[in-house]
Amino acid sequence: MLKTPVCRVLDLLEDPRFGLREIKDEVKDIERALGALTPVKGPLSTGPFFIPCGQKVAVTANVQNVGRGCIDVEVKLFDIECCPPKEVDCKLLRDIGRCCAEDAVLCASEGIFEVVFCPKPDHAAIRAFVAVHEGHSSDSEAEYVIMAADMLPVVCPFCKKDRDRCRRDRCEDDCDS
């Protein structure tokens, strides 16, 4: 049976040949393992999610600053059924302090969407959480949740253009053609 680093340290504490140096090495292994859980630096994405036909929803996006200093975060909702994808809602969260979290409520109707978190500075360490609610209210029951552990690095250039401006573009006309 494979033992976790914590179990190994506890077992070794009773070993008469085991000393402080070994404990420090084991603790470093634990810290490295926990370091693998460190939030992503830079933009994060939920990846695609689907909102069924005829349904209007509220998308609650929470972001936590786990880096140093204050950051700003643009939370963008993209309709990715359009080609190219179109930003349909955007909120700017300002001055999020270290270890603090803020939330934004975005609005969407039916389609395939993606939420992108763009921190400023660009490579700030963040964690994020998204809940998609039935109806048009963030107080209603969450239909589904995208946890921080499920977030992905951004693969499309969503954050590369119009960095200084938060737009609200509708793409119904582009999608119909």
Protein backbone atom coordinates (compact mmCIF):
# COMPACT_ATOMS: atom_id res chain seq x y z
CA MET A 1 0.00 0.00 0.00
CA LEU A 2 1.34 3.42 -0.99
CA LYS A 3 1.70 5.80 1.94
CA THR A 4 1.13 9.52 1.71
CA PRO A 5 4.00 11.86 2.67
CA VAL A 6 2.21 12.76 5.92
CA CYS A 7 1.92 9.09 6.92
CA ARG A 8 5.59 8.54 6.11
CA VAL A 9 6.59 11.43 8.39
CA LEU A 10 4.43 10.12 11.24
CA ASP A 11 5.88 6.62 10.86
CA LEU A 12 9.43 7.91 10.73
CA LEU A 13 9.06 10.02 13.88
CA GLU A 14 9.28 6.80 15.89
CA ASP A 15 12.37 5.56 14.02
CA PRO A 16 15.51 6.05 16.18
CA ARG A 17 17.70 6.69 13.08
CA PHE A 18 15.43 9.37 11.67
CA GLY A 19 16.32 13.02 12.33
CA LEU A 20 15.41 16.63 11.68
CA ARG A 21 17.00 16.69 8.22
CA GLU A 22 14.79 13.83 7.06
CA ILE A 23 11.71 15.52 8.51
CA LYS A 24 12.57 18.70 6.60
CA ASP A 25 12.97 16.68 3.38
CA GLU A 26 9.60 15.02 3.91
CA VAL A 27 7.96 18.39 4.63
CA LYS A 28 9.46 19.76 1.40
CA ASP A 29 7.89 16.83 -0.48
CA ILE A 30 4.53 17.68 1.08
CA GLU A 31 4.92 21.34 0.14
CA ARG A 32 5.79 20.38 -3.45
CA ALA A 33 2.71 18.17 -3.63
CA LEU A 34 0.56 21.03 -2.34
CA GLY A 35 2.31 23.36 -4.76
CA ALA A 36 0.81 21.32 -7.58
CA LEU A 37 -2.57 22.61 -6.37
CA THR A 38 -1.43 26.23 -6.71
CA PRO A 39 -3.90 28.29 -8.72
CA VAL A 40 -3.12 29.06 -12.32
CA LYS A 41 -1.38 32.32 -13.08
CA GLY A 42 -2.96 34.36 -15.79
CA PRO A 43 -6.30 33.99 -17.58
CA LEU A 44 -8.61 31.12 -16.63
CA SER A 45 -11.58 29.64 -18.46
CA THR A 46 -14.53 27.43 -17.58
CA GLY A 47 -14.33 25.78 -20.96
CA PRO A 48 -17.60 25.39 -22.88
CA PHE A 49 -20.94 24.89 -21.13
CA PHE A 50 -24.45 24.60 -22.58
CA ILE A 51 -27.59 26.54 -21.67
CA PRO A 52 -30.75 24.78 -22.97
CA CYS A 53 -33.10 26.33 -25.51
CA GLY A 54 -35.46 29.04 -24.31
CA GLN A 55 -33.85 29.40 -20.92
CA LYS A 56 -32.49 32.67 -19.51
CA VAL A 57 -29.93 32.22 -16.77
CA ALA A 58 -27.77 34.13 -14.35
CA VAL A 59 -24.14 33.08 -14.32
CA THR A 60 -22.45 33.87 -11.00
CA ALA A 61 -18.68 34.11 -11.31
CA ASN A 62 -16.51 34.28 -8.19
CA VAL A 63 -12.79 35.01 -8.32
CA GLN A 64 -10.22 34.96 -5.52
CA ASN A 65 -6.87 36.71 -5.54
CA VAL A 66 -4.32 34.25 -4.15
CA GLY A 67 -1.28 36.20 -5.24
CA ARG A 68 0.44 39.27 -3.86
CA GLY A 69 -1.00 42.77 -3.90
CA CYS A 70 -4.31 44.00 -5.29
CA ILE A 71 -5.54 42.95 -8.72
CA ASP A 72 -8.34 43.78 -11.13
CA VAL A 73 -10.16 40.99 -12.95
CA GLU A 74 -12.31 41.20 -16.06
CA VAL A 75 -14.94 38.47 -16.07
CA LYS A 76 -16.11 37.87 -19.63
CA LEU A 77 -18.95 35.72 -20.94
CA PHE A 78 -18.45 34.54 -24.53
CA ASP A 79 -20.98 32.97 -26.88
CA ILE A 80 -18.77 30.38 -28.54
CA GLU A 81 -21.43 29.15 -30.99
CA CYS A 82 -20.67 32.29 -32.99
CA CYS A 83 -17.63 32.22 -35.18
CA PRO A 84 -15.56 34.06 -34.13
CA PRO A 85 -16.76 33.90 -30.51
CA LYS A 86 -18.53 37.03 -29.29
CA GLU A 87 -18.39 38.63 -25.88
CA VAL A 88 -21.99 38.94 -24.64
CA ASP A 89 -21.42 40.22 -21.11
CA CYS A 90 -18.50 41.55 -19.10
CA LYS A 91 -17.92 42.77 -15.56
CA LEU A 92 -14.80 44.45 -14.19
CA LEU A 93 -13.90 43.64 -10.57
CA ARG A 94 -11.50 46.23 -9.17
CA ASP A 95 -8.96 46.18 -6.35
CA ILE A 96 -9.38 42.61 -5.13
CA GLY A 97 -7.04 42.33 -2.15
CA ARG A 98 -4.78 39.40 -1.33
CA CYS A 99 -6.76 36.30 -0.29
CA CYS A 100 -10.02 38.18 -0.95
CA ALA A 101 -12.79 37.20 -3.35
CA GLU A 102 -15.35 39.15 -5.39
CA ASP A 103 -18.27 38.03 -7.51
CA ALA A 104 -20.05 39.17 -10.65
CA VAL A 105 -23.36 38.15 -12.17
CA LEU A 106 -23.46 37.72 -15.94
CA CYS A 107 -26.60 37.18 -18.03
CA ALA A 108 -27.09 34.66 -20.82
CA SER A 109 -29.79 32.96 -22.82
CA GLU A 110 -29.65 29.68 -24.74
CA GLY A 111 -26.42 28.58 -26.39
CA ILE A 112 -22.88 27.40 -25.76
CA PHE A 113 -20.87 29.74 -23.56
CA GLU A 114 -17.53 30.12 -21.85
CA VAL A 115 -16.57 32.35 -18.91
CA VAL A 116 -13.04 33.78 -19.01
CA PHE A 117 -11.30 35.44 -16.06
CA CYS A 118 -8.64 37.96 -17.16
CA PRO A 119 -6.59 39.28 -14.22
CA LYS A 120 -4.52 42.44 -14.32
CA PRO A 121 -1.59 42.12 -13.92
CA ASP A 122 -1.79 39.40 -16.57
CA HIS A 123 -0.11 36.64 -14.61
CA ALA A 124 -1.70 37.18 -11.20
CA ALA A 125 -2.54 33.98 -9.31
CA ILE A 126 -6.31 33.47 -9.08
CA ARG A 127 -8.89 30.82 -8.29
CA ALA A 128 -12.38 30.92 -9.76
CA PHE A 129 -15.81 29.37 -9.35
CA VAL A 130 -18.86 29.63 -11.64
CA ALA A 131 -22.48 28.71 -10.90
CA VAL A 132 -25.18 28.69 -13.59
CA HIS A 133 -28.60 29.43 -12.06
CA GLU A 134 -32.06 28.59 -13.33
CA GLY A 135 -33.99 31.67 -14.29
CA HIS A 136 -32.55 35.14 -14.48
CA SER A 137 -31.62 35.44 -10.78
CA SER A 138 -28.44 34.52 -8.95
CA ASP A 139 -30.63 33.75 -5.91
CA SER A 140 -32.28 30.80 -7.64
CA GLU A 141 -30.97 27.26 -7.27
CA ALA A 142 -27.74 26.53 -9.12
CA GLU A 143 -28.31 24.23 -12.06
CA TYR A 144 -24.64 23.33 -12.27
CA VAL A 145 -21.31 24.50 -10.88
CA ILE A 146 -17.82 24.74 -12.35
CA MET A 147 -15.30 24.49 -9.51
CA ALA A 148 -11.84 26.09 -9.33
CA ALA A 149 -10.23 22.67 -9.84
CA ASP A 150 -12.08 22.31 -13.16
CA MET A 151 -10.92 25.65 -14.59
CA LEU A 152 -8.66 25.59 -17.63
CA PRO A 153 -5.93 27.84 -18.98
CA VAL A 154 -7.28 30.05 -21.76
CA VAL A 155 -6.65 28.47 -25.17
CA CYS A 156 -8.25 31.07 -27.43
CA PRO A 157 -7.16 34.71 -27.68
CA PHE A 158 -10.17 35.99 -25.69
CA CYS A 159 -8.03 38.24 -23.50
CA LYS A 160 -5.71 39.49 -26.22
CA LYS A 161 -7.94 42.14 -27.81
CA ASP A 162 -9.69 45.13 -26.27
CA ARG A 163 -7.90 44.64 -22.96
CA ASP A 164 -8.66 48.18 -21.79
CA ARG A 165 -12.32 48.19 -22.69
CA CYS A 166 -15.17 46.03 -21.43
CA ARG A 167 -17.59 45.54 -24.34
CA ARG A 168 -21.10 44.20 -24.54
CA ASP A 169 -21.52 42.82 -28.05
CA ARG A 170 -24.48 40.77 -29.15
CA CYS A 171 -23.88 38.30 -31.94
CA GLU A 172 -27.42 37.29 -32.93
CA ASP A 173 -26.98 38.89 -36.36
CA ASP A 174 -23.66 37.12 -36.96
CA CYS A 175 -25.04 33.77 -35.80
CA ASP A 176 -28.12 33.90 -38.01
CA SER A 177 -26.10 34.23 -41.21
